[in-house]
């Protein structure tokens, strides 16, 4: 009987029914488990110099309904923590906006943002996300809750 129990445990381990290594859920999985409607990934792509900014964005719909509109507000910041204004613009905000509805369980790319600044960019900060669901619900997600639904890809 003892040998049969050991044999059964070995079979379950081999089949993957029992696992001894802990897999940490990804940030997207954590957001989905927490009931968040959206997940936002952004990364800074290689640029010509520290004064050039090239960002790429991916928005994932984690909800059960269409996201009708989505926009994310970001800012480029220098070493002193000052918000920078792109050379050819009058205002500092960087906006990622989807131009079409996003169905459940799908992802979409925002247009890449490419700008040139007068001084070196230290980092990019996500300020807020606004979205409207197909059923009319509107959400504004601010700095306090952004960590649960966003990830800076390095």
C-alpha atoms as a PDB file:
ATOM      1  CA  UNK A   1       0.000   0.000   0.000  1.00  0.00           C
ATOM      2  CA  UNK A   2       2.852   2.360   0.875  1.00  0.00           C
ATOM      3  CA  UNK A   3       4.527   1.740  -2.491  1.00  0.00           C
ATOM      4  CA  UNK A   4       1.261   2.391  -4.312  1.00  0.00           C
ATOM      5  CA  UNK A   5       0.896   5.777  -2.566  1.00  0.00           C
ATOM      6  CA  UNK A   6       4.446   6.767  -3.541  1.00  0.00           C
ATOM      7  CA  UNK A   7       3.804   5.596  -7.113  1.00  0.00           C
ATOM      8  CA  UNK A   8       0.584   7.645  -7.264  1.00  0.00           C
ATOM      9  CA  UNK A   9       2.337  10.799  -5.987  1.00  0.00           C
ATOM     10  CA  UNK A  10       5.105  10.350  -8.577  1.00  0.00           C
ATOM     11  CA  UNK A  11       2.538  10.037 -11.386  1.00  0.00           C
ATOM     12  CA  UNK A  12       0.708  13.180 -10.196  1.00  0.00           C
ATOM     13  CA  UNK A  13       3.970  15.141 -10.091  1.00  0.00           C
ATOM     14  CA  UNK A  14       4.924  13.964 -13.590  1.00  0.00           C
ATOM     15  CA  UNK A  15       1.495  14.844 -14.991  1.00  0.00           C
ATOM     16  CA  UNK A  16       1.704  18.329 -13.479  1.00  0.00           C
ATOM     17  CA  UNK A  17      -1.200  17.856 -11.080  1.00  0.00           C
ATOM     18  CA  UNK A  18       1.098  18.523  -8.145  1.00  0.00           C
ATOM     19  CA  UNK A  19       3.785  21.168  -8.335  1.00  0.00           C
ATOM     20  CA  UNK A  20       6.357  22.129  -5.751  1.00  0.00           C
ATOM     21  CA  UNK A  21       7.657  25.283  -7.420  1.00  0.00           C
ATOM     22  CA  UNK A  22       5.734  28.448  -6.744  1.00  0.00           C
ATOM     23  CA  UNK A  23       4.861  30.430  -9.846  1.00  0.00           C
ATOM     24  CA  UNK A  24       4.180  34.057  -9.156  1.00  0.00           C
ATOM     25  CA  UNK A  25       1.266  35.401 -11.154  1.00  0.00           C
ATOM     26  CA  UNK A  26       2.104  38.136 -13.646  1.00  0.00           C
ATOM     27  CA  UNK A  27       0.998  41.724 -13.108  1.00  0.00           C
ATOM     28  CA  UNK A  28      -1.750  41.226 -15.710  1.00  0.00           C
ATOM     29  CA  UNK A  29      -3.018  38.097 -13.929  1.00  0.00           C
ATOM     30  CA  UNK A  30      -3.003  39.932 -10.583  1.00  0.00           C
ATOM     31  CA  UNK A  31      -5.012  42.812 -12.064  1.00  0.00           C
ATOM     32  CA  UNK A  32      -7.513  40.403 -13.604  1.00  0.00           C
ATOM     33  CA  UNK A  33      -7.891  38.466 -10.330  1.00  0.00           C
ATOM     34  CA  UNK A  34      -8.481  41.774  -8.509  1.00  0.00           C
ATOM     35  CA  UNK A  35     -11.344  42.580 -10.895  1.00  0.00           C
ATOM     36  CA  UNK A  36      -9.594  45.441 -12.680  1.00  0.00           C
ATOM     37  CA  UNK A  37     -11.141  46.320 -16.076  1.00  0.00           C
ATOM     38  CA  UNK A  38      -7.925  47.211 -17.906  1.00  0.00           C
ATOM     39  CA  UNK A  39      -4.155  46.739 -17.869  1.00  0.00           C
ATOM     40  CA  UNK A  40      -1.695  49.223 -19.363  1.00  0.00           C
ATOM     41  CA  UNK A  41       1.909  48.373 -20.294  1.00  0.00           C
ATOM     42  CA  UNK A  42       4.360  50.973 -21.492  1.00  0.00           C
ATOM     43  CA  UNK A  43       8.033  50.980 -22.277  1.00  0.00           C
ATOM     44  CA  UNK A  44      10.659  53.399 -23.433  1.00  0.00           C
ATOM     45  CA  UNK A  45      12.257  52.241 -26.648  1.00  0.00           C
ATOM     46  CA  UNK A  46      15.856  52.994 -27.648  1.00  0.00           C
ATOM     47  CA  UNK A  47      16.261  56.539 -28.939  1.00  0.00           C
ATOM     48  CA  UNK A  48      18.979  58.633 -30.595  1.00  0.00           C
ATOM     49  CA  UNK A  49      19.849  60.505 -27.389  1.00  0.00           C
ATOM     50  CA  UNK A  50      18.625  61.089 -23.809  1.00  0.00           C
ATOM     51  CA  UNK A  51      16.682  64.073 -25.184  1.00  0.00           C
ATOM     52  CA  UNK A  52      14.643  61.889 -27.540  1.00  0.00           C
ATOM     53  CA  UNK A  53      11.649  59.993 -26.217  1.00  0.00           C
ATOM     54  CA  UNK A  54      10.146  56.972 -27.927  1.00  0.00           C
ATOM     55  CA  UNK A  55       7.369  55.199 -26.008  1.00  0.00           C
ATOM     56  CA  UNK A  56       5.333  52.124 -26.891  1.00  0.00           C
ATOM     57  CA  UNK A  57       2.008  51.197 -25.254  1.00  0.00           C
ATOM     58  CA  UNK A  58      -0.222  48.118 -24.990  1.00  0.00           C
ATOM     59  CA  UNK A  59      -3.731  48.283 -23.504  1.00  0.00           C
ATOM     60  CA  UNK A  60      -5.467  45.033 -22.456  1.00  0.00           C
ATOM     61  CA  UNK A  61      -9.192  44.765 -21.758  1.00  0.00           C
ATOM     62  CA  UNK A  62      -9.641  42.512 -18.706  1.00  0.00           C
ATOM     63  CA  UNK A  63     -13.386  43.136 -18.350  1.00  0.00           C
ATOM     64  CA  UNK A  64     -16.393  41.323 -19.794  1.00  0.00           C
ATOM     65  CA  UNK A  65     -17.622  44.327 -21.810  1.00  0.00           C
ATOM     66  CA  UNK A  66     -16.167  46.492 -24.551  1.00  0.00           C
ATOM     67  CA  UNK A  67     -14.080  49.487 -23.587  1.00  0.00           C
ATOM     68  CA  UNK A  68     -15.526  52.294 -25.687  1.00  0.00           C
ATOM     69  CA  UNK A  69     -12.788  54.850 -25.029  1.00  0.00           C
ATOM     70  CA  UNK A  70      -9.406  54.821 -23.318  1.00  0.00           C
ATOM     71  CA  UNK A  71      -6.783  57.463 -22.657  1.00  0.00           C
ATOM     72  CA  UNK A  72      -3.662  57.523 -20.502  1.00  0.00           C
ATOM     73  CA  UNK A  73      -1.901  60.699 -19.396  1.00  0.00           C
ATOM     74  CA  UNK A  74       1.888  60.601 -18.969  1.00  0.00           C
ATOM     75  CA  UNK A  75       4.659  63.127 -18.399  1.00  0.00           C
ATOM     76  CA  UNK A  76       8.388  63.140 -19.151  1.00  0.00           C
ATOM     77  CA  UNK A  77      10.454  64.278 -16.153  1.00  0.00           C
ATOM     78  CA  UNK A  78      14.053  65.517 -15.826  1.00  0.00           C
ATOM     79  CA  UNK A  79      16.614  64.792 -13.069  1.00  0.00           C
ATOM     80  CA  UNK A  80      15.275  67.604 -10.856  1.00  0.00           C
ATOM     81  CA  UNK A  81      11.739  66.171 -11.070  1.00  0.00           C
ATOM     82  CA  UNK A  82      10.475  68.933 -13.363  1.00  0.00           C
ATOM     83  CA  UNK A  83       7.908  68.055 -16.010  1.00  0.00           C
ATOM     84  CA  UNK A  84       9.334  68.608 -19.479  1.00  0.00           C
ATOM     85  CA  UNK A  85       7.601  70.101 -22.514  1.00  0.00           C
ATOM     86  CA  UNK A  86       8.428  68.660 -25.971  1.00  0.00           C
ATOM     87  CA  UNK A  87      10.207  71.147 -28.224  1.00  0.00           C
ATOM     88  CA  UNK A  88       7.409  71.408 -30.801  1.00  0.00           C
ATOM     89  CA  UNK A  89       4.502  71.517 -28.294  1.00  0.00           C
ATOM     90  CA  UNK A  90       3.074  74.090 -25.900  1.00  0.00           C
ATOM     91  CA  UNK A  91       1.887  71.650 -23.216  1.00  0.00           C
ATOM     92  CA  UNK A  92       3.746  68.785 -21.471  1.00  0.00           C
ATOM     93  CA  UNK A  93       1.207  65.954 -21.502  1.00  0.00           C
ATOM     94  CA  UNK A  94       1.768  62.757 -23.438  1.00  0.00           C
ATOM     95  CA  UNK A  95      -1.516  61.054 -24.257  1.00  0.00           C
ATOM     96  CA  UNK A  96      -2.075  57.470 -25.310  1.00  0.00           C
ATOM     97  CA  UNK A  97      -5.585  57.258 -26.757  1.00  0.00           C
ATOM     98  CA  UNK A  98      -7.339  54.347 -28.416  1.00  0.00           C
ATOM     99  CA  UNK A  99      -9.281  55.319 -31.508  1.00  0.00           C
ATOM    100  CA  UNK A 100     -11.576  52.269 -31.593  1.00  0.00           C
ATOM    101  CA  UNK A 101     -13.444  50.105 -29.047  1.00  0.00           C
ATOM    102  CA  UNK A 102     -11.513  47.333 -27.358  1.00  0.00           C
ATOM    103  CA  UNK A 103     -13.282  43.985 -27.006  1.00  0.00           C
ATOM    104  CA  UNK A 104     -12.978  41.801 -23.879  1.00  0.00           C
ATOM    105  CA  UNK A 105      -9.848  39.643 -23.573  1.00  0.00           C
ATOM    106  CA  UNK A 106      -8.046  41.574 -26.335  1.00  0.00           C
ATOM    107  CA  UNK A 107      -5.143  44.000 -26.450  1.00  0.00           C
ATOM    108  CA  UNK A 108      -4.343  46.978 -28.646  1.00  0.00           C
ATOM    109  CA  UNK A 109      -1.356  49.215 -29.256  1.00  0.00           C
ATOM    110  CA  UNK A 110      -1.664  52.950 -28.831  1.00  0.00           C
ATOM    111  CA  UNK A 111       0.190  55.016 -31.350  1.00  0.00           C
ATOM    112  CA  UNK A 112       3.845  55.243 -30.406  1.00  0.00           C
ATOM    113  CA  UNK A 113       4.858  58.584 -28.947  1.00  0.00           C
ATOM    114  CA  UNK A 114       8.075  60.109 -30.268  1.00  0.00           C
ATOM    115  CA  UNK A 115       9.215  63.547 -29.024  1.00  0.00           C
ATOM    116  CA  UNK A 116      12.341  65.652 -28.711  1.00  0.00           C
ATOM    117  CA  UNK A 117      13.078  67.656 -25.559  1.00  0.00           C
ATOM    118  CA  UNK A 118      15.493  70.498 -24.790  1.00  0.00           C
ATOM    119  CA  UNK A 119      16.981  68.619 -21.808  1.00  0.00           C
ATOM    120  CA  UNK A 120      17.654  64.989 -20.880  1.00  0.00           C
ATOM    121  CA  UNK A 121      14.691  62.840 -19.861  1.00  0.00           C
ATOM    122  CA  UNK A 122      15.205  61.008 -16.580  1.00  0.00           C
ATOM    123  CA  UNK A 123      11.927  59.062 -16.523  1.00  0.00           C
ATOM    124  CA  UNK A 124       8.355  58.902 -17.737  1.00  0.00           C
ATOM    125  CA  UNK A 125       5.557  59.002 -15.160  1.00  0.00           C
ATOM    126  CA  UNK A 126       2.049  57.704 -15.641  1.00  0.00           C
ATOM    127  CA  UNK A 127      -0.367  60.251 -14.172  1.00  0.00           C
ATOM    128  CA  UNK A 128      -3.871  58.855 -14.785  1.00  0.00           C
ATOM    129  CA  UNK A 129      -6.050  56.648 -16.966  1.00  0.00           C
ATOM    130  CA  UNK A 130      -9.603  57.427 -18.072  1.00  0.00           C
ATOM    131  CA  UNK A 131     -11.903  54.920 -19.730  1.00  0.00           C
ATOM    132  CA  UNK A 132     -15.528  54.436 -20.667  1.00  0.00           C
ATOM    133  CA  UNK A 133     -17.167  51.044 -20.825  1.00  0.00           C
ATOM    134  CA  UNK A 134     -19.780  50.046 -23.399  1.00  0.00           C
ATOM    135  CA  UNK A 135     -22.489  50.042 -20.686  1.00  0.00           C
ATOM    136  CA  UNK A 136     -21.828  53.745 -19.950  1.00  0.00           C
ATOM    137  CA  UNK A 137     -19.664  53.360 -16.851  1.00  0.00           C
ATOM    138  CA  UNK A 138     -16.812  55.892 -16.806  1.00  0.00           C
ATOM    139  CA  UNK A 139     -13.694  55.399 -14.695  1.00  0.00           C
ATOM    140  CA  UNK A 140     -10.821  57.687 -13.775  1.00  0.00           C
ATOM    141  CA  UNK A 141      -7.881  55.826 -12.297  1.00  0.00           C
ATOM    142  CA  UNK A 142      -5.377  58.086 -10.546  1.00  0.00           C
ATOM    143  CA  UNK A 143      -1.859  57.643  -9.204  1.00  0.00           C
ATOM    144  CA  UNK A 144      -2.874  55.716  -6.090  1.00  0.00           C
ATOM    145  CA  UNK A 145      -4.493  52.878  -8.052  1.00  0.00           C
ATOM    146  CA  UNK A 146      -2.269  52.863 -11.145  1.00  0.00           C
ATOM    147  CA  UNK A 147       0.254  50.384  -9.763  1.00  0.00           C
ATOM    148  CA  UNK A 148      -2.405  47.673  -9.761  1.00  0.00           C
ATOM    149  CA  UNK A 149      -3.213  48.122 -13.457  1.00  0.00           C
ATOM    150  CA  UNK A 150       0.019  49.236 -15.090  1.00  0.00           C
ATOM    151  CA  UNK A 151       3.521  48.005 -15.682  1.00  0.00           C
ATOM    152  CA  UNK A 152       6.623  49.799 -16.879  1.00  0.00           C
ATOM    153  CA  UNK A 153       8.509  47.409 -19.173  1.00  0.00           C
ATOM    154  CA  UNK A 154      12.266  47.815 -19.028  1.00  0.00           C
END
